[in-house]
Amino acid sequence: MTKISERLAGLSEESAVLIALYDQDDRLRYANAAFRSTYALEAEETPLWADLMRRNTKAGKGTIIKTADFETWLVSAQSRRGKLPFRAFETDVADGRWFWMTETVQGDGWMLCIASDITPMKTSERDLRQDRDFALRASQTDELTSVSNRRFMMAALESMVARQALAQSVSGCACIMDLDYFKRINDVYGHQAGDGVLIDFARRVQPLVRRRDSFGRIGGEEFMLILPDTTLGQGELIVDRILMAVRGARPIRSAPTFSYTCSAGLAELHPGETARELYARADEALYHAKQSGRDRLKIVA
């Protein structure tokens, strides 16, 4: 077995195929020579994926990211990255090559990325596939905040419930969050400022959730967070960090003293429960948070 492992390691290092392994925090733990060369990495570097993308974009290396606002792109990308057991897509890099990339995610959040060079394929076919990928991405993304939309989030909730049923495990939570007094924000500061608050909220929350979690806007000022393989206590800690981060926000430049808060309802998946039932209990918990004074988390067991 040791010889096989050594042989596999040697072949991986020599392969022209790009191979990378990320841990549950989206930190790079292994990259073969082809991957390191493409993404301008030294042998011992282990950056977070977001930091690697940010650094390479500034240097004009690695993946070509066509956007006028990198941070908005990053929020959108992170809202989809690592949420499915398997995902495949195409991407181009700064040296002119075109890759078919796959992401395989284990239950504990570790992810294997493999990319094969498909540059020789016809450009016309490539453009058609890229248009298809853009359309799919748009159908899953909230246009204002760039995080996942309601369609994606409800599918993720159904997926978590289905996976837990197959694994005969009930570890998992759903949280619904609602910005407090949002109508008042629109009335006093205007709808453009209100949109800015929604964007600010999304950008503050996304870095605080784990890669295997799903976070998105499900309507108006309401957002949902799905926490697979998470106990109620662990979920409570995550949501408490979110509420604390939001309290410190000052997103309206014309009103530097303005601040806002959010309320949250958290529920843990029960044995045999449907996605609709879990959602309803999280929504009930949110109602209790609103009724008891807002700016707090309530839990329905």
C-alpha atoms as a PDB file:
ATOM      1  CA  MET A   1       0.000   0.000   0.000  1.00  0.00           C
ATOM      2  CA  THR A   2       2.893   2.341   0.772  1.00  0.00           C
ATOM      3  CA  LYS A   3       4.371   1.716  -2.680  1.00  0.00           C
ATOM      4  CA  ILE A   4       1.037   2.478  -4.315  1.00  0.00           C
ATOM      5  CA  SER A   5       0.750   5.720  -2.334  1.00  0.00           C
ATOM      6  CA  GLU A   6       4.267   6.722  -3.317  1.00  0.00           C
ATOM      7  CA  ARG A   7       3.584   5.890  -6.957  1.00  0.00           C
ATOM      8  CA  LEU A   8       0.356   7.903  -6.904  1.00  0.00           C
ATOM      9  CA  ALA A   9       2.123  10.865  -5.311  1.00  0.00           C
ATOM     10  CA  GLY A  10       4.864  10.741  -7.937  1.00  0.00           C
ATOM     11  CA  LEU A  11       2.416  10.556 -10.834  1.00  0.00           C
ATOM     12  CA  SER A  12       0.355  13.416  -9.418  1.00  0.00           C
ATOM     13  CA  GLU A  13       3.419  15.619  -9.169  1.00  0.00           C
ATOM     14  CA  GLU A  14       4.521  14.826 -12.734  1.00  0.00           C
ATOM     15  CA  SER A  15       1.068  15.015 -14.332  1.00  0.00           C
ATOM     16  CA  ALA A  16       0.172  17.805 -16.765  1.00  0.00           C
ATOM     17  CA  VAL A  17      -3.304  17.756 -15.222  1.00  0.00           C
ATOM     18  CA  LEU A  18      -3.773  20.395 -12.496  1.00  0.00           C
ATOM     19  CA  ILE A  19      -4.446  18.801  -9.093  1.00  0.00           C
ATOM     20  CA  ALA A  20      -5.202  20.632  -5.841  1.00  0.00           C
ATOM     21  CA  LEU A  21      -6.635  19.698  -2.458  1.00  0.00           C
ATOM     22  CA  TYR A  22      -8.398  22.197  -0.170  1.00  0.00           C
ATOM     23  CA  ASP A  23      -9.443  21.627   3.443  1.00  0.00           C
ATOM     24  CA  GLN A  24     -12.822  22.447   4.988  1.00  0.00           C
ATOM     25  CA  ASP A  25     -11.744  26.068   5.536  1.00  0.00           C
ATOM     26  CA  ASP A  26     -10.875  26.387   1.818  1.00  0.00           C
ATOM     27  CA  ARG A  27      -7.150  26.527   2.521  1.00  0.00           C
ATOM     28  CA  LEU A  28      -4.893  24.904  -0.073  1.00  0.00           C
ATOM     29  CA  ARG A  29      -3.224  21.806   1.405  1.00  0.00           C
ATOM     30  CA  TYR A  30      -1.689  20.242  -1.689  1.00  0.00           C
ATOM     31  CA  ALA A  31      -1.008  21.358  -5.240  1.00  0.00           C
ATOM     32  CA  ASN A  32       1.005  19.520  -7.880  1.00  0.00           C
ATOM     33  CA  ALA A  33       3.634  21.189 -10.038  1.00  0.00           C
ATOM     34  CA  ALA A  34       1.209  21.942 -12.897  1.00  0.00           C
ATOM     35  CA  PHE A  35      -1.226  23.679 -10.544  1.00  0.00           C
ATOM     36  CA  ARG A  36       1.522  25.662  -8.795  1.00  0.00           C
ATOM     37  CA  SER A  37       2.921  26.835 -12.132  1.00  0.00           C
ATOM     38  CA  THR A  38      -0.497  27.929 -13.443  1.00  0.00           C
ATOM     39  CA  TYR A  39      -1.438  29.782 -10.259  1.00  0.00           C
ATOM     40  CA  ALA A  40       1.994  31.266  -9.431  1.00  0.00           C
ATOM     41  CA  LEU A  41       2.494  29.331  -6.193  1.00  0.00           C
ATOM     42  CA  GLU A  42       5.698  28.522  -4.368  1.00  0.00           C
ATOM     43  CA  ALA A  43       6.117  24.924  -3.239  1.00  0.00           C
ATOM     44  CA  GLU A  44       5.356  25.529   0.450  1.00  0.00           C
ATOM     45  CA  GLU A  45       2.535  28.060   0.093  1.00  0.00           C
ATOM     46  CA  THR A  46      -0.893  27.179   1.548  1.00  0.00           C
ATOM     47  CA  PRO A  47      -3.123  30.225   0.944  1.00  0.00           C
ATOM     48  CA  LEU A  48      -6.874  30.423   1.346  1.00  0.00           C
ATOM     49  CA  TRP A  49      -8.627  30.099  -2.018  1.00  0.00           C
ATOM     50  CA  ALA A  50     -10.026  33.644  -1.746  1.00  0.00           C
ATOM     51  CA  ASP A  51      -6.573  35.083  -1.065  1.00  0.00           C
ATOM     52  CA  LEU A  52      -5.083  33.145  -3.969  1.00  0.00           C
ATOM     53  CA  MET A  53      -7.748  34.448  -6.363  1.00  0.00           C
ATOM     54  CA  ARG A  54      -7.344  38.008  -5.073  1.00  0.00           C
ATOM     55  CA  ARG A  55      -3.550  37.927  -5.393  1.00  0.00           C
ATOM     56  CA  ASN A  56      -3.529  36.405  -8.874  1.00  0.00           C
ATOM     57  CA  THR A  57      -6.174  38.798 -10.177  1.00  0.00           C
ATOM     58  CA  LYS A  58      -4.067  41.768  -9.092  1.00  0.00           C
ATOM     59  CA  ALA A  59      -0.992  40.233 -10.740  1.00  0.00           C
ATOM     60  CA  GLY A  60      -2.778  39.229 -13.949  1.00  0.00           C
ATOM     61  CA  LYS A  61      -2.109  35.521 -13.384  1.00  0.00           C
ATOM     62  CA  GLY A  62      -4.137  32.361 -12.911  1.00  0.00           C
ATOM     63  CA  THR A  63      -7.872  32.321 -13.631  1.00  0.00           C
ATOM     64  CA  ILE A  64      -9.175  35.158 -15.809  1.00  0.00           C
ATOM     65  CA  ILE A  65     -11.908  36.918 -13.850  1.00  0.00           C
ATOM     66  CA  LYS A  66     -13.938  39.286 -16.015  1.00  0.00           C
ATOM     67  CA  THR A  67     -15.433  41.732 -13.555  1.00  0.00           C
ATOM     68  CA  ALA A  68     -15.200  45.395 -12.642  1.00  0.00           C
ATOM     69  CA  ASP A  69     -15.655  44.556  -8.951  1.00  0.00           C
ATOM     70  CA  PHE A  70     -13.557  41.644  -7.719  1.00  0.00           C
ATOM     71  CA  GLU A  71     -15.065  41.548  -4.219  1.00  0.00           C
ATOM     72  CA  THR A  72     -18.588  41.240  -5.625  1.00  0.00           C
ATOM     73  CA  TRP A  73     -17.405  38.425  -7.865  1.00  0.00           C
ATOM     74  CA  LEU A  74     -15.762  36.741  -4.882  1.00  0.00           C
ATOM     75  CA  VAL A  75     -18.960  36.818  -2.799  1.00  0.00           C
ATOM     76  CA  SER A  76     -20.875  35.293  -5.703  1.00  0.00           C
ATOM     77  CA  ALA A  77     -18.257  32.602  -6.332  1.00  0.00           C
ATOM     78  CA  GLN A  78     -18.043  31.631  -2.668  1.00  0.00           C
ATOM     79  CA  SER A  79     -21.820  31.291  -2.475  1.00  0.00           C
ATOM     80  CA  ARG A  80     -21.565  28.404  -4.982  1.00  0.00           C
ATOM     81  CA  ARG A  81     -18.127  26.942  -4.287  1.00  0.00           C
ATOM     82  CA  GLY A  82     -18.052  23.571  -2.523  1.00  0.00           C
ATOM     83  CA  LYS A  83     -21.822  23.368  -1.966  1.00  0.00           C
ATOM     84  CA  LEU A  84     -22.349  20.224  -4.069  1.00  0.00           C
ATOM     85  CA  PRO A  85     -20.647  16.808  -3.790  1.00  0.00           C
ATOM     86  CA  PHE A  86     -19.500  17.238  -7.404  1.00  0.00           C
ATOM     87  CA  ARG A  87     -19.363  20.182  -9.780  1.00  0.00           C
ATOM     88  CA  ALA A  88     -17.776  20.667 -13.211  1.00  0.00           C
ATOM     89  CA  PHE A  89     -17.208  23.854 -15.184  1.00  0.00           C
ATOM     90  CA  GLU A  90     -14.877  25.481 -17.711  1.00  0.00           C
ATOM     91  CA  THR A  91     -12.421  28.267 -17.046  1.00  0.00           C
ATOM     92  CA  ASP A  92      -9.637  30.103 -18.855  1.00  0.00           C
ATOM     93  CA  VAL A  93      -6.305  31.260 -17.452  1.00  0.00           C
ATOM     94  CA  ALA A  94      -3.996  34.171 -18.151  1.00  0.00           C
ATOM     95  CA  ASP A  95      -1.541  32.205 -20.303  1.00  0.00           C
ATOM     96  CA  GLY A  96      -4.271  31.484 -22.882  1.00  0.00           C
ATOM     97  CA  ARG A  97      -5.183  27.929 -21.900  1.00  0.00           C
ATOM     98  CA  TRP A  98      -8.747  26.707 -21.352  1.00  0.00           C
ATOM     99  CA  PHE A  99      -9.529  24.119 -18.650  1.00  0.00           C
ATOM    100  CA  TRP A 100     -12.284  21.684 -17.745  1.00  0.00           C
ATOM    101  CA  MET A 101     -12.285  21.768 -13.931  1.00  0.00           C
ATOM    102  CA  THR A 102     -14.029  19.441 -11.501  1.00  0.00           C
ATOM    103  CA  GLU A 103     -14.625  19.832  -7.752  1.00  0.00           C
ATOM    104  CA  THR A 104     -15.247  16.725  -5.633  1.00  0.00           C
ATOM    105  CA  VAL A 105     -16.260  17.426  -2.029  1.00  0.00           C
ATOM    106  CA  GLN A 106     -16.131  14.928   0.842  1.00  0.00           C
ATOM    107  CA  GLY A 107     -18.636  14.929   3.684  1.00  0.00           C
ATOM    108  CA  ASP A 108     -16.157  16.657   6.017  1.00  0.00           C
ATOM    109  CA  GLY A 109     -15.656  19.547   3.572  1.00  0.00           C
ATOM    110  CA  TRP A 110     -12.291  18.631   2.002  1.00  0.00           C
ATOM    111  CA  MET A 111     -12.310  19.264  -1.751  1.00  0.00           C
ATOM    112  CA  LEU A 112     -10.302  17.817  -4.616  1.00  0.00           C
ATOM    113  CA  CYS A 113      -9.914  20.023  -7.704  1.00  0.00           C
ATOM    114  CA  ILE A 114      -8.739  18.556 -11.007  1.00  0.00           C
ATOM    115  CA  ALA A 115      -8.362  20.593 -14.201  1.00  0.00           C
ATOM    116  CA  SER A 116      -7.619  19.243 -17.692  1.00  0.00           C
ATOM    117  CA  ASP A 117      -6.403  21.355 -20.604  1.00  0.00           C
ATOM    118  CA  ILE A 118      -9.106  21.506 -23.313  1.00  0.00           C
ATOM    119  CA  THR A 119      -7.624  24.437 -25.260  1.00  0.00           C
ATOM    120  CA  PRO A 120      -7.645  22.574 -28.621  1.00  0.00           C
ATOM    121  CA  MET A 121     -11.455  22.279 -28.577  1.00  0.00           C
ATOM    122  CA  LYS A 122     -13.339  24.472 -31.041  1.00  0.00           C
ATOM    123  CA  THR A 123     -13.800  28.054 -29.884  1.00  0.00           C
ATOM    124  CA  SER A 124     -17.417  28.111 -31.096  1.00  0.00           C
ATOM    125  CA  GLU A 125     -18.313  25.089 -28.959  1.00  0.00           C
ATOM    126  CA  ARG A 126     -16.458  26.612 -26.026  1.00  0.00           C
ATOM    127  CA  ASP A 127     -18.429  29.861 -26.280  1.00  0.00           C
ATOM    128  CA  LEU A 128     -21.723  27.962 -26.323  1.00  0.00           C
ATOM    129  CA  ARG A 129     -20.785  26.053 -23.177  1.00  0.00           C
ATOM    130  CA  GLN A 130     -19.639  29.218 -21.440  1.00  0.00           C
ATOM    131  CA  ASP A 131     -22.931  30.922 -22.276  1.00  0.00           C
ATOM    132  CA  ARG A 132     -24.717  27.927 -20.759  1.00  0.00           C
ATOM    133  CA  ASP A 133     -22.614  28.177 -17.587  1.00  0.00           C
ATOM    134  CA  PHE A 134     -23.290  31.925 -17.291  1.00  0.00           C
ATOM    135  CA  ALA A 135     -27.035  31.322 -17.669  1.00  0.00           C
ATOM    136  CA  LEU A 136     -26.990  28.641 -14.984  1.00  0.00           C
ATOM    137  CA  ARG A 137     -25.015  30.886 -12.628  1.00  0.00           C
ATOM    138  CA  ALA A 138     -27.444  33.767 -13.193  1.00  0.00           C
ATOM    139  CA  SER A 139     -30.409  31.501 -12.415  1.00  0.00           C
ATOM    140  CA  GLN A 140     -28.875  30.677  -9.014  1.00  0.00           C
ATOM    141  CA  THR A 141     -27.655  34.141  -7.990  1.00  0.00           C
ATOM    142  CA  ASP A 142     -29.450  37.068  -6.378  1.00  0.00           C
ATOM    143  CA  GLU A 143     -28.976  39.989  -8.747  1.00  0.00           C
ATOM    144  CA  LEU A 144     -28.589  42.679  -6.070  1.00  0.00           C
ATOM    145  CA  THR A 145     -26.367  41.038  -3.448  1.00  0.00           C
ATOM    146  CA  SER A 146     -24.563  38.445  -5.639  1.00  0.00           C
ATOM    147  CA  VAL A 147     -25.135  35.667  -3.069  1.00  0.00           C
ATOM    148  CA  SER A 148     -27.310  32.634  -3.809  1.00  0.00           C
ATOM    149  CA  ASN A 149     -30.978  33.255  -4.539  1.00  0.00           C
ATOM    150  CA  ARG A 150     -34.122  31.590  -3.168  1.00  0.00           C
ATOM    151  CA  ARG A 151     -34.151  28.867  -5.830  1.00  0.00           C
ATOM    152  CA  PHE A 152     -30.612  27.787  -4.986  1.00  0.00           C
ATOM    153  CA  MET A 153     -31.189  27.965  -1.228  1.00  0.00           C
ATOM    154  CA  MET A 154     -34.382  25.896  -1.247  1.00  0.00           C
ATOM    155  CA  ALA A 155     -32.623  23.278  -3.388  1.00  0.00           C
ATOM    156  CA  ALA A 156     -29.704  23.266  -0.929  1.00  0.00           C
ATOM    157  CA  LEU A 157     -32.130  22.781   1.977  1.00  0.00           C
ATOM    158  CA  GLU A 158     -33.790  19.854   0.202  1.00  0.00           C
ATOM    159  CA  SER A 159     -30.353  18.401  -0.556  1.00  0.00           C
ATOM    160  CA  MET A 160     -29.245  18.602   3.085  1.00  0.00           C
ATOM    161  CA  VAL A 161     -32.403  16.856   4.278  1.00  0.00           C
ATOM    162  CA  ALA A 162     -32.027  14.139   1.634  1.00  0.00           C
ATOM    163  CA  ARG A 163     -28.351  13.534   2.479  1.00  0.00           C
ATOM    164  CA  GLN A 164     -29.074  13.294   6.188  1.00  0.00           C
ATOM    165  CA  ALA A 165     -31.838  10.759   5.520  1.00  0.00           C
ATOM    166  CA  LEU A 166     -29.535   8.585   3.405  1.00  0.00           C
ATOM    167  CA  ALA A 167     -26.778   8.772   6.003  1.00  0.00           C
ATOM    168  CA  GLN A 168     -29.250   8.087   8.839  1.00  0.00           C
ATOM    169  CA  SER A 169     -27.893  11.173  10.553  1.00  0.00           C
ATOM    170  CA  VAL A 170     -29.792  14.253  11.712  1.00  0.00           C
ATOM    171  CA  SER A 171     -26.924  16.691  12.176  1.00  0.00           C
ATOM    172  CA  GLY A 172     -27.769  19.918  10.384  1.00  0.00           C
ATOM    173  CA  CYS A 173     -29.385  23.313  10.990  1.00  0.00           C
ATOM    174  CA  ALA A 174     -31.259  25.996   9.110  1.00  0.00           C
ATOM    175  CA  CYS A 175     -31.294  29.661  10.084  1.00  0.00           C
ATOM    176  CA  ILE A 176     -33.504  32.433   8.718  1.00  0.00           C
ATOM    177  CA  MET A 177     -32.277  36.001   9.217  1.00  0.00           C
ATOM    178  CA  ASP A 178     -34.228  39.209   8.728  1.00  0.00           C
ATOM    179  CA  LEU A 179     -32.920  42.787   8.801  1.00  0.00           C
ATOM    180  CA  ASP A 180     -34.641  44.760  11.556  1.00  0.00           C
ATOM    181  CA  TYR A 181     -36.852  47.774  10.703  1.00  0.00           C
ATOM    182  CA  PHE A 182     -35.853  47.599   7.058  1.00  0.00           C
ATOM    183  CA  LYS A 183     -38.907  49.537   5.847  1.00  0.00           C
ATOM    184  CA  ARG A 184     -37.846  52.381   8.112  1.00  0.00           C
ATOM    185  CA  ILE A 185     -34.385  52.381   6.513  1.00  0.00           C
ATOM    186  CA  ASN A 186     -35.963  52.734   3.055  1.00  0.00           C
ATOM    187  CA  ASP A 187     -38.365  55.437   4.239  1.00  0.00           C
ATOM    188  CA  VAL A 188     -35.712  57.546   5.981  1.00  0.00           C
ATOM    189  CA  TYR A 189     -32.647  57.067   3.776  1.00  0.00           C
ATOM    190  CA  GLY A 190     -34.146  55.989   0.452  1.00  0.00           C
ATOM    191  CA  HIS A 191     -34.299  52.725  -1.472  1.00  0.00           C
ATOM    192  CA  GLN A 192     -30.788  53.091  -2.849  1.00  0.00           C
ATOM    193  CA  ALA A 193     -29.431  53.227   0.699  1.00  0.00           C
ATOM    194  CA  GLY A 194     -31.628  50.258   1.557  1.00  0.00           C
ATOM    195  CA  ASP A 195     -30.084  48.298  -1.309  1.00  0.00           C
ATOM    196  CA  GLY A 196     -26.659  49.261   0.030  1.00  0.00           C
ATOM    197  CA  VAL A 197     -27.554  47.844   3.439  1.00  0.00           C
ATOM    198  CA  LEU A 198     -28.620  44.538   1.859  1.00  0.00           C
ATOM    199  CA  ILE A 199     -25.333  44.367  -0.048  1.00  0.00           C
ATOM    200  CA  ASP A 200     -23.379  45.230   3.092  1.00  0.00           C
ATOM    201  CA  PHE A 201     -25.145  42.471   5.031  1.00  0.00           C
ATOM    202  CA  ALA A 202     -24.363  39.863   2.364  1.00  0.00           C
ATOM    203  CA  ARG A 203     -20.697  40.869   2.236  1.00  0.00           C
ATOM    204  CA  ARG A 204     -20.345  40.740   6.021  1.00  0.00           C
ATOM    205  CA  VAL A 205     -21.989  37.342   6.381  1.00  0.00           C
ATOM    206  CA  GLN A 206     -20.364  35.469   3.482  1.00  0.00           C
ATOM    207  CA  PRO A 207     -16.813  35.464   4.959  1.00  0.00           C
ATOM    208  CA  LEU A 208     -18.170  34.153   8.277  1.00  0.00           C
ATOM    209  CA  VAL A 209     -19.785  31.008   6.894  1.00  0.00           C
ATOM    210  CA  ARG A 210     -17.893  27.822   6.154  1.00  0.00           C
ATOM    211  CA  ARG A 211     -17.423  26.602   2.599  1.00  0.00           C
ATOM    212  CA  ARG A 212     -19.820  23.686   3.087  1.00  0.00           C
ATOM    213  CA  ASP A 213     -22.546  26.048   4.342  1.00  0.00           C
ATOM    214  CA  SER A 214     -25.008  27.745   1.989  1.00  0.00           C
ATOM    215  CA  PHE A 215     -26.004  31.379   2.420  1.00  0.00           C
ATOM    216  CA  GLY A 216     -28.393  33.372   0.284  1.00  0.00           C
ATOM    217  CA  ARG A 217     -31.176  35.900  -0.014  1.00  0.00           C
ATOM    218  CA  ILE A 218     -34.637  34.351  -0.079  1.00  0.00           C
ATOM    219  CA  GLY A 219     -36.694  37.513  -0.509  1.00  0.00           C
ATOM    220  CA  GLY A 220     -36.783  41.196   0.443  1.00  0.00           C
ATOM    221  CA  GLU A 221     -34.640  41.679   3.546  1.00  0.00           C
ATOM    222  CA  GLU A 222     -34.731  37.981   4.450  1.00  0.00           C
ATOM    223  CA  PHE A 223     -31.759  35.618   4.152  1.00  0.00           C
ATOM    224  CA  MET A 224     -31.183  31.954   4.919  1.00  0.00           C
ATOM    225  CA  LEU A 225     -28.151  30.046   6.173  1.00  0.00           C
ATOM    226  CA  ILE A 226     -27.941  26.261   5.814  1.00  0.00           C
ATOM    227  CA  LEU A 227     -25.457  24.478   8.072  1.00  0.00           C
ATOM    228  CA  PRO A 228     -24.901  20.805   7.176  1.00  0.00           C
ATOM    229  CA  ASP A 229     -23.277  18.448   9.703  1.00  0.00           C
ATOM    230  CA  THR A 230     -23.751  21.059  12.415  1.00  0.00           C
ATOM    231  CA  THR A 231     -25.207  20.750  15.901  1.00  0.00           C
ATOM    232  CA  LEU A 232     -27.503  23.338  17.418  1.00  0.00           C
ATOM    233  CA  GLY A 233     -24.711  24.568  19.675  1.00  0.00           C
ATOM    234  CA  GLN A 234     -22.281  24.958  16.788  1.00  0.00           C
ATOM    235  CA  GLY A 235     -24.916  26.750  14.737  1.00  0.00           C
ATOM    236  CA  GLU A 236     -25.621  29.138  17.589  1.00  0.00           C
ATOM    237  CA  LEU A 237     -21.956  30.166  17.739  1.00  0.00           C
ATOM    238  CA  ILE A 238     -21.873  30.869  13.998  1.00  0.00           C
ATOM    239  CA  VAL A 239     -25.048  32.969  14.045  1.00  0.00           C
ATOM    240  CA  ASP A 240     -23.912  34.894  17.135  1.00  0.00           C
ATOM    241  CA  ARG A 241     -20.757  35.913  15.245  1.00  0.00           C
ATOM    242  CA  ILE A 242     -22.910  37.143  12.370  1.00  0.00           C
ATOM    243  CA  LEU A 243     -25.129  39.255  14.619  1.00  0.00           C
ATOM    244  CA  MET A 244     -22.054  40.773  16.273  1.00  0.00           C
ATOM    245  CA  ALA A 245     -20.436  41.607  12.928  1.00  0.00           C
ATOM    246  CA  VAL A 246     -23.596  43.312  11.681  1.00  0.00           C
ATOM    247  CA  ARG A 247     -23.894  45.510  14.786  1.00  0.00           C
ATOM    248  CA  GLY A 248     -20.569  47.129  13.927  1.00  0.00           C
ATOM    249  CA  ALA A 249     -21.516  48.010  10.346  1.00  0.00           C
ATOM    250  CA  ARG A 250     -21.804  51.621   9.184  1.00  0.00           C
ATOM    251  CA  PRO A 251     -22.796  51.179   5.523  1.00  0.00           C
ATOM    252  CA  ILE A 252     -24.365  54.567   4.640  1.00  0.00           C
ATOM    253  CA  ARG A 253     -21.642  57.119   3.886  1.00  0.00           C
ATOM    254  CA  SER A 254     -24.005  60.098   4.070  1.00  0.00           C
ATOM    255  CA  ALA A 255     -25.096  58.964   7.555  1.00  0.00           C
ATOM    256  CA  PRO A 256     -21.908  57.843   9.344  1.00  0.00           C
ATOM    257  CA  THR A 257     -23.703  57.180  12.640  1.00  0.00           C
ATOM    258  CA  PHE A 258     -26.317  54.915  11.030  1.00  0.00           C
ATOM    259  CA  SER A 259     -26.247  51.273  12.114  1.00  0.00           C
ATOM    260  CA  TYR A 260     -28.546  48.322  11.661  1.00  0.00           C
ATOM    261  CA  THR A 261     -29.208  44.907  13.202  1.00  0.00           C
ATOM    262  CA  CYS A 262     -30.810  41.633  12.240  1.00  0.00           C
ATOM    263  CA  SER A 263     -32.873  38.966  13.946  1.00  0.00           C
ATOM    264  CA  ALA A 264     -32.371  35.233  13.448  1.00  0.00           C
ATOM    265  CA  GLY A 265     -34.262  32.009  13.961  1.00  0.00           C
ATOM    266  CA  LEU A 266     -32.399  28.706  14.183  1.00  0.00           C
ATOM    267  CA  ALA A 267     -33.727  25.146  14.026  1.00  0.00           C
ATOM    268  CA  GLU A 268     -32.002  21.757  13.987  1.00  0.00           C
ATOM    269  CA  LEU A 269     -33.070  19.017  11.598  1.00  0.00           C
ATOM    270  CA  HIS A 270     -35.192  16.320  13.275  1.00  0.00           C
ATOM    271  CA  PRO A 271     -35.308  12.625  12.248  1.00  0.00           C
ATOM    272  CA  GLY A 272     -37.750  12.122   9.386  1.00  0.00           C
ATOM    273  CA  GLU A 273     -38.398  15.840   8.999  1.00  0.00           C
ATOM    274  CA  THR A 274     -39.026  17.391   5.580  1.00  0.00           C
ATOM    275  CA  ALA A 275     -37.323  20.517   4.270  1.00  0.00           C
ATOM    276  CA  ARG A 276     -40.617  22.392   4.503  1.00  0.00           C
ATOM    277  CA  GLU A 277     -41.033  21.427   8.169  1.00  0.00           C
ATOM    278  CA  LEU A 278     -37.475  22.480   9.023  1.00  0.00           C
ATOM    279  CA  TYR A 279     -37.971  25.796   7.240  1.00  0.00           C
ATOM    280  CA  ALA A 280     -41.231  26.396   9.116  1.00  0.00           C
ATOM    281  CA  ARG A 281     -39.572  25.840  12.506  1.00  0.00           C
ATOM    282  CA  ALA A 282     -36.700  28.205  11.651  1.00  0.00           C
ATOM    283  CA  ASP A 283     -39.285  30.766  10.539  1.00  0.00           C
ATOM    284  CA  GLU A 284     -41.144  30.294  13.827  1.00  0.00           C
ATOM    285  CA  ALA A 285     -37.904  30.923  15.720  1.00  0.00           C
ATOM    286  CA  LEU A 286     -37.362  34.115  13.705  1.00  0.00           C
ATOM    287  CA  TYR A 287     -40.868  35.268  14.642  1.00  0.00           C
ATOM    288  CA  HIS A 288     -40.015  34.797  18.338  1.00  0.00           C
ATOM    289  CA  ALA A 289     -36.789  36.791  17.863  1.00  0.00           C
ATOM    290  CA  LYS A 290     -38.761  39.663  16.329  1.00  0.00           C
ATOM    291  CA  GLN A 291     -41.449  39.575  19.000  1.00  0.00           C
ATOM    292  CA  SER A 292     -38.961  39.548  21.879  1.00  0.00           C
ATOM    293  CA  GLY A 293     -37.157  42.712  20.844  1.00  0.00           C
ATOM    294  CA  ARG A 294     -35.169  42.002  17.644  1.00  0.00           C
ATOM    295  CA  ASP A 295     -31.354  42.014  17.269  1.00  0.00           C
ATOM    296  CA  ARG A 296     -31.149  38.498  18.708  1.00  0.00           C
ATOM    297  CA  LEU A 297     -31.167  34.804  17.951  1.00  0.00           C
ATOM    298  CA  LYS A 298     -33.986  32.506  18.974  1.00  0.00           C
ATOM    299  CA  ILE A 299     -33.936  28.728  18.728  1.00  0.00           C
ATOM    300  CA  VAL A 300     -36.818  26.307  18.239  1.00  0.00           C
ATOM    301  CA  ALA A 301     -35.840  22.838  19.397  1.00  0.00           C
END
